[in-house]
Amino acid sequence: MTEPGSEKSRNTKPNEPGAKPGGGKVVRLSLSLDSQLDTRLRDAVAESGVTMSAWVSQAIEERLERLQADLEADLKVQQRLRELDEFFGPVPEDIAREVDEEMIRLGLMSPKDRR
């Protein structure tokens, strides 16, 4: 992976794939992919009509946006749970253990996350 500011970093031209409005730096990366993933990626890029860099940049940006949305949703859930704890009081330990076991059984929680 090349660090920003290294000799392989460069300023983009306004119409270059990956360029942001107002210009900015682009960092050149080297990726190692499983050969099947490489084939799938190249097929998807060919069908999209954009460059590999643009396609990968967009995919990364979309994934980061989803991660941020998931984090924000989780924070809202945690806040609501705190509100419910304040209103109803904490969940009794035996019920919490039962819920954990059911979530583990359903594959919604890892055993290491058990209370």
C-alpha atoms as a PDB file:
ATOM      1  CA  MET A   1       0.000   0.000   0.000  1.00  0.00           C
ATOM      2  CA  THR A   2       1.410   3.376  -0.901  1.00  0.00           C
ATOM      3  CA  GLU A   3       1.272   6.148   1.661  1.00  0.00           C
ATOM      4  CA  PRO A   4      -0.231   9.551   0.803  1.00  0.00           C
ATOM      5  CA  GLY A   5       2.496  11.989  -0.167  1.00  0.00           C
ATOM      6  CA  SER A   6       4.804   9.274  -1.507  1.00  0.00           C
ATOM      7  CA  GLU A   7       6.238   9.471  -4.996  1.00  0.00           C
ATOM      8  CA  LYS A   8       3.389   7.303  -6.342  1.00  0.00           C
ATOM      9  CA  SER A   9       0.712   9.684  -5.014  1.00  0.00           C
ATOM     10  CA  ARG A  10      -0.307  12.294  -7.556  1.00  0.00           C
ATOM     11  CA  ASN A  11      -2.706  15.152  -8.101  1.00  0.00           C
ATOM     12  CA  THR A  12      -5.706  14.222 -10.191  1.00  0.00           C
ATOM     13  CA  LYS A  13      -7.000  16.043 -13.213  1.00  0.00           C
ATOM     14  CA  PRO A  14     -10.628  17.180 -12.859  1.00  0.00           C
ATOM     15  CA  ASN A  15     -12.003  14.512 -15.251  1.00  0.00           C
ATOM     16  CA  GLU A  16      -9.779  11.653 -14.068  1.00  0.00           C
ATOM     17  CA  PRO A  17     -11.561   8.637 -12.518  1.00  0.00           C
ATOM     18  CA  GLY A  18     -11.552   8.970  -8.762  1.00  0.00           C
ATOM     19  CA  ALA A  19     -11.163  12.749  -8.897  1.00  0.00           C
ATOM     20  CA  LYS A  20     -13.333  14.670  -6.497  1.00  0.00           C
ATOM     21  CA  PRO A  21     -14.804  18.086  -7.266  1.00  0.00           C
ATOM     22  CA  GLY A  22     -12.163  20.660  -6.465  1.00  0.00           C
ATOM     23  CA  GLY A  23      -9.273  18.234  -7.111  1.00  0.00           C
ATOM     24  CA  GLY A  24      -7.375  16.127  -4.649  1.00  0.00           C
ATOM     25  CA  LYS A  25      -4.771  13.457  -4.303  1.00  0.00           C
ATOM     26  CA  VAL A  26      -5.104   9.919  -5.537  1.00  0.00           C
ATOM     27  CA  VAL A  27      -3.139   7.149  -3.866  1.00  0.00           C
ATOM     28  CA  ARG A  28      -2.039   4.199  -5.952  1.00  0.00           C
ATOM     29  CA  LEU A  29      -2.655   0.852  -4.221  1.00  0.00           C
ATOM     30  CA  SER A  30      -1.674  -2.701  -4.956  1.00  0.00           C
ATOM     31  CA  LEU A  31      -4.270  -5.366  -4.131  1.00  0.00           C
ATOM     32  CA  SER A  32      -3.983  -9.126  -3.903  1.00  0.00           C
ATOM     33  CA  LEU A  33      -7.176 -10.938  -4.853  1.00  0.00           C
ATOM     34  CA  ASP A  34      -8.244 -14.542  -5.126  1.00  0.00           C
ATOM     35  CA  SER A  35      -8.256 -15.447  -8.832  1.00  0.00           C
ATOM     36  CA  GLN A  36     -12.023 -16.107  -8.842  1.00  0.00           C
ATOM     37  CA  LEU A  37     -12.696 -12.740  -7.229  1.00  0.00           C
ATOM     38  CA  ASP A  38     -10.385 -11.089  -9.762  1.00  0.00           C
ATOM     39  CA  THR A  39     -12.364 -12.662 -12.621  1.00  0.00           C
ATOM     40  CA  ARG A  40     -15.686 -11.550 -11.134  1.00  0.00           C
ATOM     41  CA  LEU A  41     -14.342  -8.042 -10.556  1.00  0.00           C
ATOM     42  CA  ARG A  42     -12.997  -7.714 -14.093  1.00  0.00           C
ATOM     43  CA  ASP A  43     -16.309  -8.954 -15.530  1.00  0.00           C
ATOM     44  CA  ALA A  44     -18.270  -6.440 -13.445  1.00  0.00           C
ATOM     45  CA  VAL A  45     -15.934  -3.609 -14.425  1.00  0.00           C
ATOM     46  CA  ALA A  46     -16.183  -4.521 -18.124  1.00  0.00           C
ATOM     47  CA  GLU A  47     -19.984  -4.458 -17.932  1.00  0.00           C
ATOM     48  CA  SER A  48     -20.048  -1.145 -16.060  1.00  0.00           C
ATOM     49  CA  GLY A  49     -18.216   0.898 -18.672  1.00  0.00           C
ATOM     50  CA  VAL A  50     -16.021   2.651 -16.090  1.00  0.00           C
ATOM     51  CA  THR A  51     -12.394   2.138 -15.171  1.00  0.00           C
ATOM     52  CA  MET A  52     -11.274  -0.393 -12.583  1.00  0.00           C
ATOM     53  CA  SER A  53     -10.215   2.474 -10.307  1.00  0.00           C
ATOM     54  CA  ALA A  54     -13.597   4.187 -10.572  1.00  0.00           C
ATOM     55  CA  TRP A  55     -15.485   0.928 -10.005  1.00  0.00           C
ATOM     56  CA  VAL A  56     -13.434  -0.069  -6.952  1.00  0.00           C
ATOM     57  CA  SER A  57     -13.553   3.474  -5.539  1.00  0.00           C
ATOM     58  CA  GLN A  58     -17.334   3.516  -5.844  1.00  0.00           C
ATOM     59  CA  ALA A  59     -17.645   0.066  -4.239  1.00  0.00           C
ATOM     60  CA  ILE A  60     -15.466   1.129  -1.309  1.00  0.00           C
ATOM     61  CA  GLU A  61     -17.381   4.375  -0.896  1.00  0.00           C
ATOM     62  CA  GLU A  62     -20.736   2.528  -0.891  1.00  0.00           C
ATOM     63  CA  ARG A  63     -19.458   0.004   1.671  1.00  0.00           C
ATOM     64  CA  LEU A  64     -18.149   2.752   3.949  1.00  0.00           C
ATOM     65  CA  GLU A  65     -21.491   4.563   3.722  1.00  0.00           C
ATOM     66  CA  ARG A  66     -23.312   1.335   4.695  1.00  0.00           C
ATOM     67  CA  LEU A  67     -20.934   0.826   7.632  1.00  0.00           C
ATOM     68  CA  GLN A  68     -21.581   4.388   8.805  1.00  0.00           C
ATOM     69  CA  ALA A  69     -25.351   3.901   8.477  1.00  0.00           C
ATOM     70  CA  ASP A  70     -25.114   0.619  10.428  1.00  0.00           C
ATOM     71  CA  LEU A  71     -23.121   2.353  13.164  1.00  0.00           C
ATOM     72  CA  GLU A  72     -25.655   5.167  13.394  1.00  0.00           C
ATOM     73  CA  ALA A  73     -28.531   2.656  13.565  1.00  0.00           C
ATOM     74  CA  ASP A  74     -26.714   0.706  16.286  1.00  0.00           C
ATOM     75  CA  LEU A  75     -26.229   3.888  18.307  1.00  0.00           C
ATOM     76  CA  LYS A  76     -29.959   4.616  18.030  1.00  0.00           C
ATOM     77  CA  VAL A  77     -30.782   1.083  19.224  1.00  0.00           C
ATOM     78  CA  GLN A  78     -28.355   1.423  22.147  1.00  0.00           C
ATOM     79  CA  GLN A  79     -29.931   4.762  23.104  1.00  0.00           C
ATOM     80  CA  ARG A  80     -33.424   3.261  22.953  1.00  0.00           C
ATOM     81  CA  LEU A  81     -32.321   0.318  25.105  1.00  0.00           C
ATOM     82  CA  ARG A  82     -30.931   2.748  27.705  1.00  0.00           C
ATOM     83  CA  GLU A  83     -34.249   4.607  27.678  1.00  0.00           C
ATOM     84  CA  LEU A  84     -36.138   1.350  28.170  1.00  0.00           C
ATOM     85  CA  ASP A  85     -33.811   0.336  31.019  1.00  0.00           C
ATOM     86  CA  GLU A  86     -34.476   3.685  32.699  1.00  0.00           C
ATOM     87  CA  PHE A  87     -38.228   3.264  32.304  1.00  0.00           C
ATOM     88  CA  PHE A  88     -38.644  -0.455  33.069  1.00  0.00           C
ATOM     89  CA  GLY A  89     -35.428  -1.213  34.935  1.00  0.00           C
ATOM     90  CA  PRO A  90     -32.690  -3.596  33.803  1.00  0.00           C
ATOM     91  CA  VAL A  91     -33.500  -6.995  32.279  1.00  0.00           C
ATOM     92  CA  PRO A  92     -33.227  -9.767  34.907  1.00  0.00           C
ATOM     93  CA  GLU A  93     -30.099 -11.925  34.466  1.00  0.00           C
ATOM     94  CA  ASP A  94     -32.029 -15.184  33.881  1.00  0.00           C
ATOM     95  CA  ILE A  95     -34.049 -13.626  31.063  1.00  0.00           C
ATOM     96  CA  ALA A  96     -30.921 -12.025  29.566  1.00  0.00           C
ATOM     97  CA  ARG A  97     -29.214 -15.448  29.539  1.00  0.00           C
ATOM     98  CA  GLU A  98     -32.246 -17.059  27.851  1.00  0.00           C
ATOM     99  CA  VAL A  99     -32.279 -14.362  25.172  1.00  0.00           C
ATOM    100  CA  ASP A 100     -28.533 -14.780  24.610  1.00  0.00           C
ATOM    101  CA  GLU A 101     -28.895 -18.551  24.219  1.00  0.00           C
ATOM    102  CA  GLU A 102     -31.715 -18.143  21.705  1.00  0.00           C
ATOM    103  CA  MET A 103     -29.754 -15.553  19.728  1.00  0.00           C
ATOM    104  CA  ILE A 104     -26.752 -17.893  19.645  1.00  0.00           C
ATOM    105  CA  ARG A 105     -28.997 -20.769  18.519  1.00  0.00           C
ATOM    106  CA  LEU A 106     -30.391 -18.606  15.704  1.00  0.00           C
ATOM    107  CA  GLY A 107     -26.900 -17.487  14.664  1.00  0.00           C
ATOM    108  CA  LEU A 108     -27.608 -13.862  15.557  1.00  0.00           C
ATOM    109  CA  MET A 109     -24.913 -13.709  18.216  1.00  0.00           C
ATOM    110  CA  SER A 110     -21.557 -15.313  18.816  1.00  0.00           C
ATOM    111  CA  PRO A 111     -21.095 -17.390  21.995  1.00  0.00           C
ATOM    112  CA  LYS A 112     -18.153 -15.149  22.906  1.00  0.00           C
ATOM    113  CA  ASP A 113     -20.572 -12.200  23.161  1.00  0.00           C
ATOM    114  CA  ARG A 114     -22.732 -13.938  25.761  1.00  0.00           C
ATOM    115  CA  ARG A 115     -23.472 -11.928  28.926  1.00  0.00           C
END
